[in-house]
Structures are given as C-alpha cells and as structure tokens.
Amino acid sequence: MLDVEIRSKRGLLFSGKASAISSSNETGRFDVLPMHANFITLVNETIVIYKKAFGGTAMIRDEFPVKRGVIKVAKNKVEIFLSI
C-alpha cells in the first residue's frame, strides 16, 4: 500500500492508503504502484487514487482535478502538491 497525502494552498485534501495512483505529465499517462522507484514529476491532468473498499476486494476510485501540480514518490510515500 501507498501512504498518500494531497495538499493545496487551502490545506490537506486527502490523507490515507492507496493501492495505486494514476495521472499524466508532459510525456503521457503514468501509474504509481507500491514499491515504485523514487520519482518526481509535474502533473497536468486529473489525479486518480485507487483504494480498496473497507473489508472487501472492490476498488474505490477518487479523482482530484488538476491544472498543475507536483507528485513526489519515495519509499511508498506519495506527496502531491496541487496548484503550486
């Protein structure tokens, strides 16, 4: 599992566990999965967080619209900063 935090100028928007994260940068679509290599990029499209439903195997999909932002991945922790 990934530990995820999403922040904007207004404060913390999301904090929790995720199975995967998807978004896009200038070179195309990408996914972040557990044990991903250290990674930092600018994003320019919606960020999608996939997490398991409580007590089940079904996936829940949360979407965060993005005009611009930064994703930083290190040691299964994902920090996302929006509208910077």
N, C-alpha and C. Protein backbone atom coordinates (compact mmCIF):
# COMPACT_ATOMS: atom_id res chain seq x y z
N MET A 1 0.84 -1.19 0.00
CA MET A 1 0.00 0.00 0.00
C MET A 1 0.88 1.24 0.00
N LEU A 2 0.33 2.29 -0.57
CA LEU A 2 1.00 3.58 -0.61
C LEU A 2 0.39 4.49 0.45
N ASP A 3 1.22 5.27 1.13
CA ASP A 3 0.74 6.33 2.01
C ASP A 3 0.66 7.59 1.15
N VAL A 4 -0.51 8.21 1.09
CA VAL A 4 -0.74 9.33 0.18
C VAL A 4 -1.22 10.55 0.93
N GLU A 5 -0.66 11.71 0.56
CA GLU A 5 -1.15 13.00 1.04
C GLU A 5 -1.30 13.91 -0.16
N ILE A 6 -2.44 14.59 -0.24
CA ILE A 6 -2.67 15.58 -1.28
C ILE A 6 -2.92 16.90 -0.58
N ARG A 7 -2.14 17.91 -0.97
CA ARG A 7 -2.26 19.24 -0.36
C ARG A 7 -2.46 20.30 -1.44
N SER A 8 -3.19 21.33 -1.07
CA SER A 8 -3.32 22.51 -1.92
C SER A 8 -3.03 23.72 -1.04
N LYS A 9 -3.18 24.88 -1.62
CA LYS A 9 -2.97 26.10 -0.85
C LYS A 9 -3.95 26.20 0.32
N ARG A 10 -5.09 25.53 0.19
CA ARG A 10 -6.12 25.57 1.23
C ARG A 10 -5.89 24.57 2.35
N GLY A 11 -4.93 23.65 2.15
CA GLY A 11 -4.65 22.67 3.20
C GLY A 11 -4.69 21.25 2.70
N LEU A 12 -4.82 20.32 3.63
CA LEU A 12 -4.81 18.89 3.33
C LEU A 12 -6.15 18.48 2.71
N LEU A 13 -6.10 17.90 1.51
CA LEU A 13 -7.30 17.45 0.81
C LEU A 13 -7.55 15.96 0.98
N PHE A 14 -6.47 15.18 1.15
CA PHE A 14 -6.60 13.73 1.28
C PHE A 14 -5.39 13.21 2.02
N SER A 15 -5.63 12.27 2.91
CA SER A 15 -4.55 11.56 3.60
C SER A 15 -5.04 10.15 3.85
N GLY A 16 -4.29 9.17 3.33
CA GLY A 16 -4.71 7.80 3.53
C GLY A 16 -3.90 6.81 2.73
N LYS A 17 -4.38 5.59 2.69
CA LYS A 17 -3.72 4.50 1.97
C LYS A 17 -4.33 4.36 0.58
N ALA A 18 -3.50 3.93 -0.37
CA ALA A 18 -3.97 3.69 -1.73
C ALA A 18 -3.25 2.48 -2.32
N SER A 19 -3.91 1.81 -3.23
CA SER A 19 -3.32 0.68 -3.94
C SER A 19 -2.55 1.15 -5.16
N ALA A 20 -2.99 2.27 -5.77
CA ALA A 20 -2.35 2.80 -6.97
C ALA A 20 -2.78 4.24 -7.19
N ILE A 21 -1.98 4.97 -7.97
CA ILE A 21 -2.28 6.34 -8.35
C ILE A 21 -2.00 6.48 -9.84
N SER A 22 -2.88 7.19 -10.54
CA SER A 22 -2.68 7.43 -11.97
C SER A 22 -2.81 8.92 -12.25
N SER A 23 -2.05 9.41 -13.24
CA SER A 23 -2.15 10.79 -13.70
C SER A 23 -1.41 10.89 -15.02
N SER A 24 -1.18 12.13 -15.46
CA SER A 24 -0.44 12.38 -16.69
C SER A 24 0.55 13.52 -16.49
N ASN A 25 1.67 13.43 -17.22
CA ASN A 25 2.63 14.53 -17.28
C ASN A 25 2.87 14.83 -18.75
N GLU A 26 3.86 15.64 -19.06
CA GLU A 26 4.07 16.06 -20.45
C GLU A 26 4.46 14.91 -21.38
N THR A 27 4.91 13.79 -20.85
CA THR A 27 5.26 12.65 -21.71
C THR A 27 4.16 11.61 -21.80
N GLY A 28 3.08 11.76 -21.04
CA GLY A 28 1.96 10.84 -21.13
C GLY A 28 1.46 10.35 -19.79
N ARG A 29 0.62 9.35 -19.86
CA ARG A 29 -0.02 8.77 -18.68
C ARG A 29 0.97 7.91 -17.90
N PHE A 30 0.82 7.88 -16.57
CA PHE A 30 1.68 7.04 -15.73
C PHE A 30 0.89 6.54 -14.52
N ASP A 31 1.39 5.47 -13.94
CA ASP A 31 0.82 4.89 -12.73
C ASP A 31 1.91 4.76 -11.68
N VAL A 32 1.53 4.90 -10.43
CA VAL A 32 2.43 4.67 -9.30
C VAL A 32 1.85 3.52 -8.50
N LEU A 33 2.64 2.50 -8.30
CA LEU A 33 2.25 1.31 -7.55
C LEU A 33 3.17 1.15 -6.34
N PRO A 34 2.80 0.33 -5.35
CA PRO A 34 3.70 0.08 -4.22
C PRO A 34 5.07 -0.38 -4.69
N MET A 35 6.08 0.03 -3.98
CA MET A 35 7.49 -0.27 -4.27
C MET A 35 8.00 0.44 -5.53
N HIS A 36 7.31 1.50 -5.93
CA HIS A 36 7.73 2.29 -7.10
C HIS A 36 9.08 2.95 -6.81
N ALA A 37 9.87 3.11 -7.84
CA ALA A 37 11.15 3.82 -7.70
C ALA A 37 10.88 5.27 -7.29
N ASN A 38 11.87 5.88 -6.63
CA ASN A 38 11.75 7.30 -6.29
C ASN A 38 11.48 8.08 -7.57
N PHE A 39 10.59 9.07 -7.46
CA PHE A 39 10.06 9.69 -8.67
C PHE A 39 9.51 11.06 -8.31
N ILE A 40 9.72 12.04 -9.17
CA ILE A 40 9.10 13.35 -9.00
C ILE A 40 8.76 13.88 -10.39
N THR A 41 7.57 14.45 -10.52
CA THR A 41 7.15 14.97 -11.82
C THR A 41 6.09 16.04 -11.65
N LEU A 42 5.97 16.88 -12.66
CA LEU A 42 4.86 17.82 -12.75
C LEU A 42 3.69 17.07 -13.36
N VAL A 43 2.49 17.35 -12.90
CA VAL A 43 1.30 16.73 -13.46
C VAL A 43 0.39 17.80 -14.05
N ASN A 44 -0.37 17.41 -15.06
CA ASN A 44 -1.22 18.38 -15.75
C ASN A 44 -2.62 17.83 -16.04
N GLU A 45 -3.00 16.79 -15.32
CA GLU A 45 -4.31 16.19 -15.54
C GLU A 45 -4.81 15.61 -14.23
N THR A 46 -6.04 15.19 -14.21
CA THR A 46 -6.67 14.62 -13.02
C THR A 46 -5.80 13.54 -12.38
N ILE A 47 -5.74 13.57 -11.06
CA ILE A 47 -5.07 12.52 -10.31
C ILE A 47 -6.14 11.55 -9.83
N VAL A 48 -5.93 10.27 -10.07
CA VAL A 48 -6.88 9.24 -9.67
C VAL A 48 -6.22 8.36 -8.62
N ILE A 49 -6.90 8.20 -7.49
CA ILE A 49 -6.40 7.35 -6.41
C ILE A 49 -7.31 6.12 -6.33
N TYR A 50 -6.69 4.95 -6.38
CA TYR A 50 -7.43 3.69 -6.27
C TYR A 50 -7.17 3.09 -4.89
N LYS A 51 -8.25 2.77 -4.18
CA LYS A 51 -8.10 2.15 -2.87
C LYS A 51 -9.16 1.08 -2.72
N LYS A 52 -8.87 0.10 -1.89
CA LYS A 52 -9.82 -0.99 -1.66
C LYS A 52 -10.94 -0.53 -0.75
N ALA A 53 -12.14 -0.98 -1.07
CA ALA A 53 -13.29 -0.70 -0.22
C ALA A 53 -13.06 -1.38 1.13
N PHE A 54 -13.55 -0.80 2.19
CA PHE A 54 -13.35 -1.32 3.53
C PHE A 54 -13.85 -2.75 3.61
N GLY A 55 -12.96 -3.66 3.98
CA GLY A 55 -13.32 -5.04 4.19
C GLY A 55 -13.63 -5.84 2.94
N GLY A 56 -13.30 -5.30 1.77
CA GLY A 56 -13.64 -6.01 0.54
C GLY A 56 -12.51 -6.00 -0.47
N THR A 57 -12.83 -6.50 -1.63
CA THR A 57 -11.84 -6.52 -2.70
C THR A 57 -12.17 -5.52 -3.80
N ALA A 58 -13.36 -4.91 -3.74
CA ALA A 58 -13.75 -3.91 -4.73
C ALA A 58 -12.87 -2.67 -4.58
N MET A 59 -12.61 -1.99 -5.70
CA MET A 59 -11.78 -0.79 -5.69
C MET A 59 -12.65 0.46 -5.71
N ILE A 60 -12.26 1.44 -4.94
CA ILE A 60 -12.89 2.76 -4.93
C ILE A 60 -11.95 3.69 -5.69
N ARG A 61 -12.53 4.56 -6.48
CA ARG A 61 -11.74 5.48 -7.31
C ARG A 61 -12.07 6.90 -6.88
N ASP A 62 -11.08 7.64 -6.37
CA ASP A 62 -11.23 9.06 -6.02
C ASP A 62 -10.48 9.89 -7.06
N GLU A 63 -11.12 10.94 -7.56
CA GLU A 63 -10.49 11.79 -8.56
C GLU A 63 -10.30 13.20 -8.01
N PHE A 64 -9.14 13.77 -8.32
CA PHE A 64 -8.82 15.14 -7.93
C PHE A 64 -8.42 15.90 -9.19
N PRO A 65 -9.23 16.88 -9.61
CA PRO A 65 -8.89 17.66 -10.81
C PRO A 65 -7.62 18.47 -10.58
N VAL A 66 -6.80 18.55 -11.61
CA VAL A 66 -5.51 19.23 -11.50
C VAL A 66 -5.29 20.11 -12.73
N LYS A 67 -4.91 21.36 -12.51
CA LYS A 67 -4.43 22.19 -13.62
C LYS A 67 -2.92 22.09 -13.68
N ARG A 68 -2.33 22.07 -12.51
CA ARG A 68 -0.88 21.82 -12.41
C ARG A 68 -0.58 21.41 -10.98
N GLY A 69 0.43 20.56 -10.86
CA GLY A 69 0.81 20.07 -9.55
C GLY A 69 2.11 19.29 -9.63
N VAL A 70 2.55 18.81 -8.48
CA VAL A 70 3.78 18.04 -8.37
C VAL A 70 3.48 16.76 -7.60
N ILE A 71 4.01 15.65 -8.11
CA ILE A 71 3.94 14.38 -7.38
C ILE A 71 5.35 13.97 -7.01
N LYS A 72 5.53 13.62 -5.75
CA LYS A 72 6.81 13.12 -5.26
C LYS A 72 6.57 11.74 -4.65
N VAL A 73 7.33 10.76 -5.11
CA VAL A 73 7.22 9.38 -4.62
C VAL A 73 8.55 8.96 -4.03
N ALA A 74 8.54 8.47 -2.81
CA ALA A 74 9.76 7.95 -2.16
C ALA A 74 9.35 6.99 -1.05
N LYS A 75 9.88 5.78 -1.10
CA LYS A 75 9.68 4.79 -0.04
C LYS A 75 8.20 4.54 0.28
N ASN A 76 7.40 4.32 -0.75
CA ASN A 76 5.96 4.05 -0.62
C ASN A 76 5.16 5.20 -0.05
N LYS A 77 5.73 6.40 -0.05
CA LYS A 77 5.00 7.59 0.35
C LYS A 77 4.85 8.49 -0.88
N VAL A 78 3.63 8.94 -1.10
CA VAL A 78 3.33 9.80 -2.25
C VAL A 78 2.83 11.13 -1.72
N GLU A 79 3.53 12.19 -2.06
CA GLU A 79 3.12 13.54 -1.68
C GLU A 79 2.73 14.27 -2.95
N ILE A 80 1.54 14.85 -2.94
CA ILE A 80 1.03 15.56 -4.11
C ILE A 80 0.70 16.98 -3.69
N PHE A 81 1.22 17.92 -4.44
CA PHE A 81 1.00 19.34 -4.15
C PHE A 81 0.29 19.93 -5.37
N LEU A 82 -0.92 20.47 -5.15
CA LEU A 82 -1.74 20.99 -6.24
C LEU A 82 -1.68 22.50 -6.31
N SER A 83 -1.81 23.02 -7.53
CA SER A 83 -1.91 24.46 -7.79
C SER A 83 -0.76 25.25 -7.20
N ILE A 84 0.46 24.76 -7.44
CA ILE A 84 1.62 25.48 -6.92
C ILE A 84 2.26 26.31 -8.00
